[in-house]
Amino acid sequence: MMSALKNIIYNCKQATFLIEKRISGKITAAETLQLHVHLAGCSVCKIYQQQSMLINKVFVGFANNDFKLDEAFKKMLNGKIEKEINKN
């Protein structure tokens, strides 16, 4: 039981996944509880959540074809994101 609680508290990668899943409206009650526990002690993920919600608000209403990223930029950006996520 204690190990499961530690995994929730210290897993920022899972928390950011749950933040995005919540924003898309597809989060379970158990996941909501896990996220709530994590956010209670992680100021970095709280900031991530605020920024992610703001970004989503800004881009609501734009058609998917309004924005195009080239493949090299996508690969570079994904690499940076993975590097930051794996720091924790």
PDB file of N, CA and C in Angstrom:
ATOM      1  N   MET A   1       0.834  -1.204   0.000  1.00  0.00           N
ATOM      2  CA  MET A   1       0.000   0.000   0.000  1.00  0.00           C
ATOM      3  C   MET A   1       0.865   1.249   0.000  1.00  0.00           C
ATOM      4  N   MET A   2       1.889   1.280   0.878  1.00  0.00           N
ATOM      5  CA  MET A   2       2.752   2.451   0.976  1.00  0.00           C
ATOM      6  C   MET A   2       3.526   2.667  -0.320  1.00  0.00           C
ATOM      7  N   SER A   3       3.932   1.570  -0.956  1.00  0.00           N
ATOM      8  CA  SER A   3       4.666   1.677  -2.217  1.00  0.00           C
ATOM      9  C   SER A   3       3.794   2.308  -3.304  1.00  0.00           C
ATOM     10  N   ALA A   4       2.533   1.921  -3.356  1.00  0.00           N
ATOM     11  CA  ALA A   4       1.615   2.492  -4.341  1.00  0.00           C
ATOM     12  C   ALA A   4       1.439   3.987  -4.109  1.00  0.00           C
ATOM     13  N   LEU A   5       1.351   4.391  -2.853  1.00  0.00           N
ATOM     14  CA  LEU A   5       1.209   5.808  -2.525  1.00  0.00           C
ATOM     15  C   LEU A   5       2.453   6.587  -2.935  1.00  0.00           C
ATOM     16  N   LYS A   6       3.636   6.027  -2.710  1.00  0.00           N
ATOM     17  CA  LYS A   6       4.879   6.696  -3.111  1.00  0.00           C
ATOM     18  C   LYS A   6       4.943   6.861  -4.629  1.00  0.00           C
ATOM     19  N   ASN A   7       4.482   5.847  -5.357  1.00  0.00           N
ATOM     20  CA  ASN A   7       4.479   5.935  -6.819  1.00  0.00           C
ATOM     21  C   ASN A   7       3.592   7.066  -7.303  1.00  0.00           C
ATOM     22  N   ILE A   8       2.477   7.280  -6.654  1.00  0.00           N
ATOM     23  CA  ILE A   8       1.572   8.363  -7.032  1.00  0.00           C
ATOM     24  C   ILE A   8       2.204   9.710  -6.712  1.00  0.00           C
ATOM     25  N   ILE A   9       2.762   9.811  -5.523  1.00  0.00           N
ATOM     26  CA  ILE A   9       3.288  11.095  -5.051  1.00  0.00           C
ATOM     27  C   ILE A   9       4.488  11.554  -5.870  1.00  0.00           C
ATOM     28  N   TYR A  10       5.363  10.635  -6.241  1.00  0.00           N
ATOM     29  CA  TYR A  10       6.620  11.021  -6.869  1.00  0.00           C
ATOM     30  C   TYR A  10       6.692  10.781  -8.375  1.00  0.00           C
ATOM     31  N   ASN A  11       5.571  10.516  -9.020  1.00  0.00           N
ATOM     32  CA  ASN A  11       5.608  10.200 -10.441  1.00  0.00           C
ATOM     33  C   ASN A  11       5.050  11.356 -11.277  1.00  0.00           C
ATOM     34  N   CYS A  12       5.910  12.301 -11.606  1.00  0.00           N
ATOM     35  CA  CYS A  12       5.496  13.462 -12.397  1.00  0.00           C
ATOM     36  C   CYS A  12       5.129  13.076 -13.825  1.00  0.00           C
ATOM     37  N   LYS A  13       5.783  12.077 -14.370  1.00  0.00           N
ATOM     38  CA  LYS A  13       5.471  11.643 -15.733  1.00  0.00           C
ATOM     39  C   LYS A  13       4.016  11.161 -15.806  1.00  0.00           C
ATOM     40  N   GLN A  14       3.602  10.364 -14.834  1.00  0.00           N
ATOM     41  CA  GLN A  14       2.218   9.893 -14.785  1.00  0.00           C
ATOM     42  C   GLN A  14       1.262  11.062 -14.556  1.00  0.00           C
ATOM     43  N   ALA A  15       1.658  11.992 -13.685  1.00  0.00           N
ATOM     44  CA  ALA A  15       0.791  13.137 -13.375  1.00  0.00           C
ATOM     45  C   ALA A  15       0.558  13.997 -14.615  1.00  0.00           C
ATOM     46  N   THR A  16       1.594  14.257 -15.391  1.00  0.00           N
ATOM     47  CA  THR A  16       1.409  15.075 -16.588  1.00  0.00           C
ATOM     48  C   THR A  16       0.524  14.355 -17.605  1.00  0.00           C
ATOM     49  N   PHE A  17       0.667  13.037 -17.680  1.00  0.00           N
ATOM     50  CA  PHE A  17      -0.213  12.254 -18.544  1.00  0.00           C
ATOM     51  C   PHE A  17      -1.666  12.405 -18.093  1.00  0.00           C
ATOM     52  N   LEU A  18      -1.892  12.302 -16.777  1.00  0.00           N
ATOM     53  CA  LEU A  18      -3.252  12.420 -16.251  1.00  0.00           C
ATOM     54  C   LEU A  18      -3.809  13.829 -16.427  1.00  0.00           C
ATOM     55  N   ILE A  19      -2.946  14.834 -16.343  1.00  0.00           N
ATOM     56  CA  ILE A  19      -3.384  16.211 -16.576  1.00  0.00           C
ATOM     57  C   ILE A  19      -3.920  16.344 -18.002  1.00  0.00           C
ATOM     58  N   GLU A  20      -3.173  15.838 -18.953  1.00  0.00           N
ATOM     59  CA  GLU A  20      -3.616  15.916 -20.350  1.00  0.00           C
ATOM     60  C   GLU A  20      -4.868  15.077 -20.582  1.00  0.00           C
ATOM     61  N   LYS A  21      -4.924  13.929 -19.935  1.00  0.00           N
ATOM     62  CA  LYS A  21      -6.098  13.068 -20.068  1.00  0.00           C
ATOM     63  C   LYS A  21      -7.329  13.755 -19.476  1.00  0.00           C
ATOM     64  N   ARG A  22      -7.150  14.452 -18.359  1.00  0.00           N
ATOM     65  CA  ARG A  22      -8.272  15.170 -17.742  1.00  0.00           C
ATOM     66  C   ARG A  22      -8.748  16.299 -18.654  1.00  0.00           C
ATOM     67  N   ILE A  23      -7.822  17.015 -19.247  1.00  0.00           N
ATOM     68  CA  ILE A  23      -8.186  18.119 -20.137  1.00  0.00           C
ATOM     69  C   ILE A  23      -8.992  17.602 -21.331  1.00  0.00           C
ATOM     70  N   SER A  24      -8.657  16.405 -21.795  1.00  0.00           N
ATOM     71  CA  SER A  24      -9.414  15.827 -22.910  1.00  0.00           C
ATOM     72  C   SER A  24     -10.736  15.226 -22.443  1.00  0.00           C
ATOM     73  N   GLY A  25     -10.953  15.187 -21.133  1.00  0.00           N
ATOM     74  CA  GLY A  25     -12.225  14.729 -20.587  1.00  0.00           C
ATOM     75  C   GLY A  25     -12.365  13.232 -20.451  1.00  0.00           C
ATOM     76  N   LYS A  26     -11.253  12.519 -20.364  1.00  0.00           N
ATOM     77  CA  LYS A  26     -11.302  11.056 -20.341  1.00  0.00           C
ATOM     78  C   LYS A  26     -10.553  10.482 -19.143  1.00  0.00           C
ATOM     79  N   ILE A  27     -10.849  10.960 -17.943  1.00  0.00           N
ATOM     80  CA  ILE A  27     -10.133  10.508 -16.756  1.00  0.00           C
ATOM     81  C   ILE A  27     -11.105   9.782 -15.814  1.00  0.00           C
ATOM     82  N   THR A  28     -10.628   8.690 -15.224  1.00  0.00           N
ATOM     83  CA  THR A  28     -11.469   7.916 -14.314  1.00  0.00           C
ATOM     84  C   THR A  28     -11.435   8.530 -12.915  1.00  0.00           C
ATOM     85  N   ALA A  29     -12.323   8.059 -12.057  1.00  0.00           N
ATOM     86  CA  ALA A  29     -12.360   8.546 -10.676  1.00  0.00           C
ATOM     87  C   ALA A  29     -11.065   8.200  -9.946  1.00  0.00           C
ATOM     88  N   ALA A  30     -10.545   7.007 -10.161  1.00  0.00           N
ATOM     89  CA  ALA A  30      -9.290   6.598  -9.518  1.00  0.00           C
ATOM     90  C   ALA A  30      -8.134   7.477  -9.992  1.00  0.00           C
ATOM     91  N   GLU A  31      -8.104   7.772 -11.283  1.00  0.00           N
ATOM     92  CA  GLU A  31      -7.047   8.629 -11.827  1.00  0.00           C
ATOM     93  C   GLU A  31      -7.175  10.049 -11.286  1.00  0.00           C
ATOM     94  N   THR A  32      -8.403  10.519 -11.121  1.00  0.00           N
ATOM     95  CA  THR A  32      -8.625  11.845 -10.548  1.00  0.00           C
ATOM     96  C   THR A  32      -8.055  11.912  -9.144  1.00  0.00           C
ATOM     97  N   LEU A  33      -8.277  10.873  -8.363  1.00  0.00           N
ATOM     98  CA  LEU A  33      -7.745  10.820  -7.005  1.00  0.00           C
ATOM     99  C   LEU A  33      -6.221  10.797  -7.024  1.00  0.00           C
ATOM    100  N   GLN A  34      -5.634   9.985  -7.886  1.00  0.00           N
ATOM    101  CA  GLN A  34      -4.171   9.916  -8.000  1.00  0.00           C
ATOM    102  C   GLN A  34      -3.599  11.294  -8.347  1.00  0.00           C
ATOM    103  N   LEU A  35      -4.218  11.956  -9.292  1.00  0.00           N
ATOM    104  CA  LEU A  35      -3.739  13.264  -9.722  1.00  0.00           C
ATOM    105  C   LEU A  35      -3.878  14.280  -8.590  1.00  0.00           C
ATOM    106  N   HIS A  36      -4.994  14.246  -7.894  1.00  0.00           N
ATOM    107  CA  HIS A  36      -5.223  15.171  -6.787  1.00  0.00           C
ATOM    108  C   HIS A  36      -4.150  14.992  -5.708  1.00  0.00           C
ATOM    109  N   VAL A  37      -3.833  13.749  -5.366  1.00  0.00           N
ATOM    110  CA  VAL A  37      -2.797  13.463  -4.364  1.00  0.00           C
ATOM    111  C   VAL A  37      -1.450  14.000  -4.837  1.00  0.00           C
ATOM    112  N   HIS A  38      -1.123  13.764  -6.098  1.00  0.00           N
ATOM    113  CA  HIS A  38       0.162  14.230  -6.622  1.00  0.00           C
ATOM    114  C   HIS A  38       0.234  15.759  -6.624  1.00  0.00           C
ATOM    115  N   LEU A  39      -0.813  16.402  -7.104  1.00  0.00           N
ATOM    116  CA  LEU A  39      -0.809  17.867  -7.197  1.00  0.00           C
ATOM    117  C   LEU A  39      -0.769  18.537  -5.830  1.00  0.00           C
ATOM    118  N   ALA A  40      -1.233  17.837  -4.795  1.00  0.00           N
ATOM    119  CA  ALA A  40      -1.195  18.397  -3.443  1.00  0.00           C
ATOM    120  C   ALA A  40       0.234  18.660  -2.990  1.00  0.00           C
ATOM    121  N   GLY A  41       1.196  17.909  -3.546  1.00  0.00           N
ATOM    122  CA  GLY A  41       2.571  18.077  -3.110  1.00  0.00           C
ATOM    123  C   GLY A  41       3.558  18.463  -4.184  1.00  0.00           C
ATOM    124  N   CYS A  42       3.102  18.701  -5.399  1.00  0.00           N
ATOM    125  CA  CYS A  42       4.042  18.971  -6.494  1.00  0.00           C
ATOM    126  C   CYS A  42       3.707  20.297  -7.173  1.00  0.00           C
ATOM    127  N   SER A  43       4.454  21.318  -6.840  1.00  0.00           N
ATOM    128  CA  SER A  43       4.197  22.636  -7.419  1.00  0.00           C
ATOM    129  C   SER A  43       4.560  22.691  -8.906  1.00  0.00           C
ATOM    130  N   VAL A  44       5.505  21.888  -9.326  1.00  0.00           N
ATOM    131  CA  VAL A  44       5.910  21.873 -10.733  1.00  0.00           C
ATOM    132  C   VAL A  44       4.757  21.361 -11.603  1.00  0.00           C
ATOM    133  N   CYS A  45       4.108  20.304 -11.174  1.00  0.00           N
ATOM    134  CA  CYS A  45       2.987  19.759 -11.945  1.00  0.00           C
ATOM    135  C   CYS A  45       1.769  20.681 -11.883  1.00  0.00           C
ATOM    136  N   LYS A  46       1.615  21.413 -10.788  1.00  0.00           N
ATOM    137  CA  LYS A  46       0.536  22.401 -10.718  1.00  0.00           C
ATOM    138  C   LYS A  46       0.731  23.473 -11.784  1.00  0.00           C
ATOM    139  N   ILE A  47       1.972  23.929 -11.926  1.00  0.00           N
ATOM    140  CA  ILE A  47       2.284  24.929 -12.953  1.00  0.00           C
ATOM    141  C   ILE A  47       2.069  24.332 -14.345  1.00  0.00           C
ATOM    142  N   TYR A  48       2.509  23.100 -14.532  1.00  0.00           N
ATOM    143  CA  TYR A  48       2.299  22.424 -15.817  1.00  0.00           C
ATOM    144  C   TYR A  48       0.815  22.386 -16.149  1.00  0.00           C
ATOM    145  N   GLN A  49      -0.010  22.037 -15.171  1.00  0.00           N
ATOM    146  CA  GLN A  49      -1.453  21.962 -15.389  1.00  0.00           C
ATOM    147  C   GLN A  49      -2.025  23.319 -15.805  1.00  0.00           C
ATOM    148  N   GLN A  50      -1.608  24.384 -15.125  1.00  0.00           N
ATOM    149  CA  GLN A  50      -2.087  25.724 -15.453  1.00  0.00           C
ATOM    150  C   GLN A  50      -1.696  26.107 -16.878  1.00  0.00           C
ATOM    151  N   GLN A  51      -0.449  25.830 -17.225  1.00  0.00           N
ATOM    152  CA  GLN A  51       0.034  26.177 -18.562  1.00  0.00           C
ATOM    153  C   GLN A  51      -0.673  25.358 -19.637  1.00  0.00           C
ATOM    154  N   SER A  52      -0.877  24.091 -19.369  1.00  0.00           N
ATOM    155  CA  SER A  52      -1.534  23.231 -20.336  1.00  0.00           C
ATOM    156  C   SER A  52      -2.978  23.668 -20.574  1.00  0.00           C
ATOM    157  N   MET A  53      -3.669  24.027 -19.500  1.00  0.00           N
ATOM    158  CA  MET A  53      -5.040  24.501 -19.634  1.00  0.00           C
ATOM    159  C   MET A  53      -5.086  25.804 -20.429  1.00  0.00           C
ATOM    160  N   LEU A  54      -4.132  26.693 -20.198  1.00  0.00           N
ATOM    161  CA  LEU A  54      -4.071  27.948 -20.937  1.00  0.00           C
ATOM    162  C   LEU A  54      -3.817  27.702 -22.424  1.00  0.00           C
ATOM    163  N   ILE A  55      -2.889  26.829 -22.722  1.00  0.00           N
ATOM    164  CA  ILE A  55      -2.587  26.505 -24.115  1.00  0.00           C
ATOM    165  C   ILE A  55      -3.826  25.942 -24.806  1.00  0.00           C
ATOM    166  N   ASN A  56      -4.529  25.059 -24.143  1.00  0.00           N
ATOM    167  CA  ASN A  56      -5.744  24.485 -24.730  1.00  0.00           C
ATOM    168  C   ASN A  56      -6.810  25.543 -24.959  1.00  0.00           C
ATOM    169  N   LYS A  57      -6.959  26.492 -24.048  1.00  0.00           N
ATOM    170  CA  LYS A  57      -7.930  27.566 -24.226  1.00  0.00           C
ATOM    171  C   LYS A  57      -7.588  28.426 -25.438  1.00  0.00           C
ATOM    172  N   VAL A  58      -6.304  28.697 -25.616  1.00  0.00           N
ATOM    173  CA  VAL A  58      -5.856  29.539 -26.723  1.00  0.00           C
ATOM    174  C   VAL A  58      -6.177  28.894 -28.072  1.00  0.00           C
ATOM    175  N   PHE A  59      -6.015  27.577 -28.160  1.00  0.00           N
ATOM    176  CA  PHE A  59      -6.151  26.902 -29.445  1.00  0.00           C
ATOM    177  C   PHE A  59      -7.529  26.313 -29.709  1.00  0.00           C
ATOM    178  N   VAL A  60      -8.470  26.487 -28.795  1.00  0.00           N
ATOM    179  CA  VAL A  60      -9.834  26.016 -29.046  1.00  0.00           C
ATOM    180  C   VAL A  60     -10.414  26.818 -30.213  1.00  0.00           C
ATOM    181  N   GLY A  61     -11.020  26.145 -31.125  1.00  0.00           N
ATOM    182  CA  GLY A  61     -11.649  26.823 -32.250  1.00  0.00           C
ATOM    183  C   GLY A  61     -10.807  26.853 -33.512  1.00  0.00           C
ATOM    184  N   PHE A  62      -9.528  26.563 -33.408  1.00  0.00           N
ATOM    185  CA  PHE A  62      -8.694  26.504 -34.600  1.00  0.00           C
ATOM    186  C   PHE A  62      -8.867  25.141 -35.259  1.00  0.00           C
ATOM    187  N   ALA A  63      -8.955  25.141 -36.547  1.00  0.00           N
ATOM    188  CA  ALA A  63      -9.021  23.880 -37.276  1.00  0.00           C
ATOM    189  C   ALA A  63      -7.645  23.225 -37.248  1.00  0.00           C
ATOM    190  N   ASN A  64      -7.631  21.896 -37.275  1.00  0.00           N
ATOM    191  CA  ASN A  64      -6.359  21.170 -37.228  1.00  0.00           C
ATOM    192  C   ASN A  64      -5.431  21.523 -38.380  1.00  0.00           C
ATOM    193  N   ASN A  65      -5.976  21.867 -39.515  1.00  0.00           N
ATOM    194  CA  ASN A  65      -5.132  22.164 -40.663  1.00  0.00           C
ATOM    195  C   ASN A  65      -4.601  23.603 -40.653  1.00  0.00           C
ATOM    196  N   ASP A  66      -4.952  24.395 -39.618  1.00  0.00           N
ATOM    197  CA  ASP A  66      -4.431  25.756 -39.521  1.00  0.00           C
ATOM    198  C   ASP A  66      -2.955  25.786 -39.109  1.00  0.00           C
ATOM    199  N   PHE A  67      -2.480  24.723 -38.482  1.00  0.00           N
ATOM    200  CA  PHE A  67      -1.114  24.684 -37.972  1.00  0.00           C
ATOM    201  C   PHE A  67      -0.406  23.444 -38.483  1.00  0.00           C
ATOM    202  N   LYS A  68       0.769  23.650 -38.999  1.00  0.00           N
ATOM    203  CA  LYS A  68       1.590  22.543 -39.480  1.00  0.00           C
ATOM    204  C   LYS A  68       3.003  22.703 -38.934  1.00  0.00           C
ATOM    205  N   LEU A  69       3.526  21.631 -38.365  1.00  0.00           N
ATOM    206  CA  LEU A  69       4.915  21.606 -37.911  1.00  0.00           C
ATOM    207  C   LEU A  69       5.678  20.647 -38.809  1.00  0.00           C
ATOM    208  N   ASP A  70       6.885  21.045 -39.194  1.00  0.00           N
ATOM    209  CA  ASP A  70       7.648  20.115 -40.008  1.00  0.00           C
ATOM    210  C   ASP A  70       8.172  18.979 -39.129  1.00  0.00           C
ATOM    211  N   GLU A  71       8.492  17.877 -39.751  1.00  0.00           N
ATOM    212  CA  GLU A  71       8.871  16.669 -39.020  1.00  0.00           C
ATOM    213  C   GLU A  71      10.137  16.859 -38.191  1.00  0.00           C
ATOM    214  N   ALA A  72      11.104  17.601 -38.684  1.00  0.00           N
ATOM    215  CA  ALA A  72      12.343  17.833 -37.927  1.00  0.00           C
ATOM    216  C   ALA A  72      12.053  18.605 -36.637  1.00  0.00           C
ATOM    217  N   PHE A  73      11.191  19.615 -36.724  1.00  0.00           N
ATOM    218  CA  PHE A  73      10.834  20.392 -35.539  1.00  0.00           C
ATOM    219  C   PHE A  73      10.079  19.529 -34.535  1.00  0.00           C
ATOM    220  N   LYS A  74       9.159  18.681 -35.020  1.00  0.00           N
ATOM    221  CA  LYS A  74       8.410  17.788 -34.138  1.00  0.00           C
ATOM    222  C   LYS A  74       9.351  16.851 -33.392  1.00  0.00           C
ATOM    223  N   LYS A  75      10.317  16.296 -34.117  1.00  0.00           N
ATOM    224  CA  LYS A  75      11.265  15.357 -33.517  1.00  0.00           C
ATOM    225  C   LYS A  75      12.105  16.065 -32.452  1.00  0.00           C
ATOM    226  N   MET A  76      12.577  17.267 -32.752  1.00  0.00           N
ATOM    227  CA  MET A  76      13.379  18.027 -31.805  1.00  0.00           C
ATOM    228  C   MET A  76      12.554  18.369 -30.564  1.00  0.00           C
ATOM    229  N   LEU A  77      11.325  18.793 -30.760  1.00  0.00           N
ATOM    230  CA  LEU A  77      10.450  19.158 -29.656  1.00  0.00           C
ATOM    231  C   LEU A  77      10.118  17.948 -28.787  1.00  0.00           C
ATOM    232  N   ASN A  78       9.803  16.827 -29.412  1.00  0.00           N
ATOM    233  CA  ASN A  78       9.542  15.605 -28.656  1.00  0.00           C
ATOM    234  C   ASN A  78      10.753  15.183 -27.832  1.00  0.00           C
ATOM    235  N   GLY A  79      11.935  15.329 -28.391  1.00  0.00           N
ATOM    236  CA  GLY A  79      13.155  15.003 -27.660  1.00  0.00           C
ATOM    237  C   GLY A  79      13.330  15.875 -26.419  1.00  0.00           C
ATOM    238  N   LYS A  80      13.087  17.161 -26.565  1.00  0.00           N
ATOM    239  CA  LYS A  80      13.188  18.073 -25.422  1.00  0.00           C
ATOM    240  C   LYS A  80      12.157  17.745 -24.346  1.00  0.00           C
ATOM    241  N   ILE A  81      10.948  17.447 -24.769  1.00  0.00           N
ATOM    242  CA  ILE A  81       9.886  17.106 -23.813  1.00  0.00           C
ATOM    243  C   ILE A  81      10.255  15.832 -23.053  1.00  0.00           C
ATOM    244  N   GLU A  82      10.690  14.807 -23.769  1.00  0.00           N
ATOM    245  CA  GLU A  82      11.086  13.557 -23.119  1.00  0.00           C
ATOM    246  C   GLU A  82      12.235  13.780 -22.138  1.00  0.00           C
ATOM    247  N   LYS A  83      13.196  14.598 -22.532  1.00  0.00           N
ATOM    248  CA  LYS A  83      14.338  14.878 -21.664  1.00  0.00           C
ATOM    249  C   LYS A  83      13.866  15.537 -20.365  1.00  0.00           C
ATOM    250  N   GLU A  84      12.968  16.486 -20.460  1.00  0.00           N
ATOM    251  CA  GLU A  84      12.464  17.170 -19.267  1.00  0.00           C
ATOM    252  C   GLU A  84      11.614  16.250 -18.399  1.00  0.00           C
ATOM    253  N   ILE A  85      10.786  15.442 -19.030  1.00  0.00           N
ATOM    254  CA  ILE A  85       9.934  14.509 -18.283  1.00  0.00           C
ATOM    255  C   ILE A  85      10.795  13.506 -17.518  1.00  0.00           C
ATOM    256  N   ASN A  86      11.852  13.031 -18.150  1.00  0.00           N
ATOM    257  CA  ASN A  86      12.682  11.998 -17.537  1.00  0.00           C
ATOM    258  C   ASN A  86      13.642  12.536 -16.482  1.00  0.00           C
ATOM    259  N   LYS A  87      13.707  13.836 -16.301  1.00  0.00           N
ATOM    260  CA  LYS A  87      14.549  14.404 -15.254  1.00  0.00           C
ATOM    261  C   LYS A  87      14.060  13.989 -13.873  1.00  0.00           C
ATOM    262  N   ASN A  88      12.748  13.877 -13.745  1.00  0.00           N
ATOM    263  CA  ASN A  88      12.169  13.570 -12.427  1.00  0.00           C
ATOM    264  C   ASN A  88      12.301  12.144 -12.147  1.00  0.00           C
TER     265      ASN A  88
END
